[in-house]
């Protein structure tokens, strides 16, 4: 169940972060509400995740997937370019999270 909470936290954080641009400095009410609600759900679910999964592993997954997903939202929704170094960097982030989870004893719980 902890990984389900983590997935919900990541999706909520990506929605909140992606809505920050649309909130335009919190001058637009709809996106601003999404930001506040998204971060609220994200941090609540993250706190539930930390009951079971070590903080280092949780944060590696949270931040790694968050970076990649927010970058993809920026590309798809806001038409922001992802050049080759950005894609390579994101691949390295994902690789690092996988190595940490699959091979490190720090991930044992």
C-alpha atoms as a PDB file:
ATOM      1  CA  UNK A   1       0.000   0.000   0.000  1.00  0.00           C
ATOM      2  CA  UNK A   2       2.938   2.339   0.661  1.00  0.00           C
ATOM      3  CA  UNK A   3       3.894   2.361  -3.013  1.00  0.00           C
ATOM      4  CA  UNK A   4       0.294   3.199  -3.945  1.00  0.00           C
ATOM      5  CA  UNK A   5       0.436   6.192  -1.589  1.00  0.00           C
ATOM      6  CA  UNK A   6       3.756   7.180  -3.132  1.00  0.00           C
ATOM      7  CA  UNK A   7       2.295   6.996  -6.638  1.00  0.00           C
ATOM      8  CA  UNK A   8      -0.672   9.146  -5.572  1.00  0.00           C
ATOM      9  CA  UNK A   9       1.752  11.618  -3.955  1.00  0.00           C
ATOM     10  CA  UNK A  10       3.826  11.833  -7.133  1.00  0.00           C
ATOM     11  CA  UNK A  11       0.816  12.346  -9.397  1.00  0.00           C
ATOM     12  CA  UNK A  12      -0.646  14.977  -7.056  1.00  0.00           C
ATOM     13  CA  UNK A  13       2.688  16.796  -6.884  1.00  0.00           C
ATOM     14  CA  UNK A  14       3.042  16.752 -10.674  1.00  0.00           C
ATOM     15  CA  UNK A  15      -0.465  18.175 -11.056  1.00  0.00           C
ATOM     16  CA  UNK A  16       0.267  20.866  -8.460  1.00  0.00           C
ATOM     17  CA  UNK A  17       3.630  21.813  -9.916  1.00  0.00           C
ATOM     18  CA  UNK A  18       2.278  21.862 -13.447  1.00  0.00           C
ATOM     19  CA  UNK A  19      -0.598  24.063 -12.319  1.00  0.00           C
ATOM     20  CA  UNK A  20       1.782  26.664 -10.880  1.00  0.00           C
ATOM     21  CA  UNK A  21       2.473  28.021 -14.362  1.00  0.00           C
ATOM     22  CA  UNK A  22      -1.231  28.210 -15.175  1.00  0.00           C
ATOM     23  CA  UNK A  23      -1.938  29.880 -11.794  1.00  0.00           C
ATOM     24  CA  UNK A  24       0.026  32.901 -13.053  1.00  0.00           C
ATOM     25  CA  UNK A  25       1.321  34.033  -9.672  1.00  0.00           C
ATOM     26  CA  UNK A  26      -1.876  32.835  -7.966  1.00  0.00           C
ATOM     27  CA  UNK A  27      -3.951  35.344  -9.925  1.00  0.00           C
ATOM     28  CA  UNK A  28      -6.138  32.630 -11.492  1.00  0.00           C
ATOM     29  CA  UNK A  29      -8.401  30.863  -8.984  1.00  0.00           C
ATOM     30  CA  UNK A  30      -8.885  27.465 -10.684  1.00  0.00           C
ATOM     31  CA  UNK A  31      -5.226  26.604 -11.187  1.00  0.00           C
ATOM     32  CA  UNK A  32      -4.396  28.136  -7.795  1.00  0.00           C
ATOM     33  CA  UNK A  33      -6.827  25.770  -6.096  1.00  0.00           C
ATOM     34  CA  UNK A  34      -5.249  22.851  -7.980  1.00  0.00           C
ATOM     35  CA  UNK A  35      -1.836  23.896  -6.668  1.00  0.00           C
ATOM     36  CA  UNK A  36      -2.972  24.035  -3.041  1.00  0.00           C
ATOM     37  CA  UNK A  37      -5.048  20.847  -3.204  1.00  0.00           C
ATOM     38  CA  UNK A  38      -2.390  18.971  -5.148  1.00  0.00           C
ATOM     39  CA  UNK A  39       0.380  19.786  -2.695  1.00  0.00           C
ATOM     40  CA  UNK A  40      -1.920  18.969   0.240  1.00  0.00           C
ATOM     41  CA  UNK A  41      -2.706  15.521  -1.156  1.00  0.00           C
ATOM     42  CA  UNK A  42       0.915  15.003  -2.177  1.00  0.00           C
ATOM     43  CA  UNK A  43       2.387  15.717   1.245  1.00  0.00           C
ATOM     44  CA  UNK A  44      -0.304  13.778   3.091  1.00  0.00           C
ATOM     45  CA  UNK A  45       0.271  10.690   0.934  1.00  0.00           C
ATOM     46  CA  UNK A  46       4.032  11.166   1.187  1.00  0.00           C
ATOM     47  CA  UNK A  47       3.740  11.147   4.976  1.00  0.00           C
ATOM     48  CA  UNK A  48       1.822   7.851   4.787  1.00  0.00           C
ATOM     49  CA  UNK A  49       4.510   6.415   2.527  1.00  0.00           C
ATOM     50  CA  UNK A  50       7.209   7.241   5.068  1.00  0.00           C
ATOM     51  CA  UNK A  51       5.600   4.915   7.601  1.00  0.00           C
ATOM     52  CA  UNK A  52       6.961   1.983   5.600  1.00  0.00           C
ATOM     53  CA  UNK A  53       9.522   3.009   2.977  1.00  0.00           C
ATOM     54  CA  UNK A  54      12.828   4.581   4.098  1.00  0.00           C
ATOM     55  CA  UNK A  55      13.012   8.337   3.531  1.00  0.00           C
ATOM     56  CA  UNK A  56      15.993   8.170   1.158  1.00  0.00           C
ATOM     57  CA  UNK A  57      14.294   5.673  -1.122  1.00  0.00           C
ATOM     58  CA  UNK A  58      10.993   7.526  -0.938  1.00  0.00           C
ATOM     59  CA  UNK A  59      12.606  10.831  -1.837  1.00  0.00           C
ATOM     60  CA  UNK A  60      14.649   9.321  -4.672  1.00  0.00           C
ATOM     61  CA  UNK A  61      11.503   7.907  -6.271  1.00  0.00           C
ATOM     62  CA  UNK A  62       9.439  11.037  -5.526  1.00  0.00           C
ATOM     63  CA  UNK A  63      11.944  13.495  -6.917  1.00  0.00           C
ATOM     64  CA  UNK A  64      13.162  11.352  -9.821  1.00  0.00           C
ATOM     65  CA  UNK A  65       9.750  10.550 -11.203  1.00  0.00           C
ATOM     66  CA  UNK A  66       8.536  14.054 -10.396  1.00  0.00           C
ATOM     67  CA  UNK A  67      11.331  15.626 -12.463  1.00  0.00           C
ATOM     68  CA  UNK A  68      10.653  13.391 -15.432  1.00  0.00           C
ATOM     69  CA  UNK A  69       6.864  13.748 -15.303  1.00  0.00           C
ATOM     70  CA  UNK A  70       6.889  17.540 -14.821  1.00  0.00           C
ATOM     71  CA  UNK A  71       9.339  17.815 -17.729  1.00  0.00           C
ATOM     72  CA  UNK A  72       6.998  15.744 -19.885  1.00  0.00           C
ATOM     73  CA  UNK A  73       4.019  17.904 -18.885  1.00  0.00           C
ATOM     74  CA  UNK A  74       6.070  20.992 -19.764  1.00  0.00           C
ATOM     75  CA  UNK A  75       6.796  19.475 -23.157  1.00  0.00           C
ATOM     76  CA  UNK A  76       3.254  18.246 -23.878  1.00  0.00           C
ATOM     77  CA  UNK A  77       1.140  21.003 -22.331  1.00  0.00           C
ATOM     78  CA  UNK A  78       3.354  24.084 -22.389  1.00  0.00           C
ATOM     79  CA  UNK A  79       5.324  23.158 -25.532  1.00  0.00           C
ATOM     80  CA  UNK A  80       8.662  23.556 -23.796  1.00  0.00           C
ATOM     81  CA  UNK A  81      11.581  21.968 -25.622  1.00  0.00           C
ATOM     82  CA  UNK A  82      13.490  19.020 -24.236  1.00  0.00           C
ATOM     83  CA  UNK A  83      16.881  18.904 -25.885  1.00  0.00           C
ATOM     84  CA  UNK A  84      19.245  15.919 -25.959  1.00  0.00           C
ATOM     85  CA  UNK A  85      21.083  16.833 -22.726  1.00  0.00           C
ATOM     86  CA  UNK A  86      17.746  17.145 -20.901  1.00  0.00           C
ATOM     87  CA  UNK A  87      16.634  13.731 -22.118  1.00  0.00           C
ATOM     88  CA  UNK A  88      19.993  12.158 -21.223  1.00  0.00           C
ATOM     89  CA  UNK A  89      19.817  13.793 -17.788  1.00  0.00           C
ATOM     90  CA  UNK A  90      16.326  12.444 -17.166  1.00  0.00           C
ATOM     91  CA  UNK A  91      17.428   8.973 -18.286  1.00  0.00           C
ATOM     92  CA  UNK A  92      20.301   9.157 -15.792  1.00  0.00           C
ATOM     93  CA  UNK A  93      17.904  10.201 -13.027  1.00  0.00           C
ATOM     94  CA  UNK A  94      15.601   7.262 -13.762  1.00  0.00           C
ATOM     95  CA  UNK A  95      18.620   4.950 -13.951  1.00  0.00           C
ATOM     96  CA  UNK A  96      19.830   6.194 -10.577  1.00  0.00           C
ATOM     97  CA  UNK A  97      16.458   5.586  -8.959  1.00  0.00           C
ATOM     98  CA  UNK A  98      16.356   2.075 -10.434  1.00  0.00           C
ATOM     99  CA  UNK A  99      19.886   1.272  -9.229  1.00  0.00           C
ATOM    100  CA  UNK A 100      19.036   2.558  -5.766  1.00  0.00           C
ATOM    101  CA  UNK A 101      15.887   0.446  -5.579  1.00  0.00           C
ATOM    102  CA  UNK A 102      17.130  -2.718  -7.247  1.00  0.00           C
ATOM    103  CA  UNK A 103      20.717  -3.032  -6.071  1.00  0.00           C
ATOM    104  CA  UNK A 104      21.257  -0.930  -2.955  1.00  0.00           C
ATOM    105  CA  UNK A 105      20.826  -2.351   0.526  1.00  0.00           C
ATOM    106  CA  UNK A 106      19.485   1.071   1.527  1.00  0.00           C
ATOM    107  CA  UNK A 107      16.225   0.084  -0.157  1.00  0.00           C
ATOM    108  CA  UNK A 108      15.743  -2.965   2.047  1.00  0.00           C
ATOM    109  CA  UNK A 109      12.712  -2.635   4.273  1.00  0.00           C
END
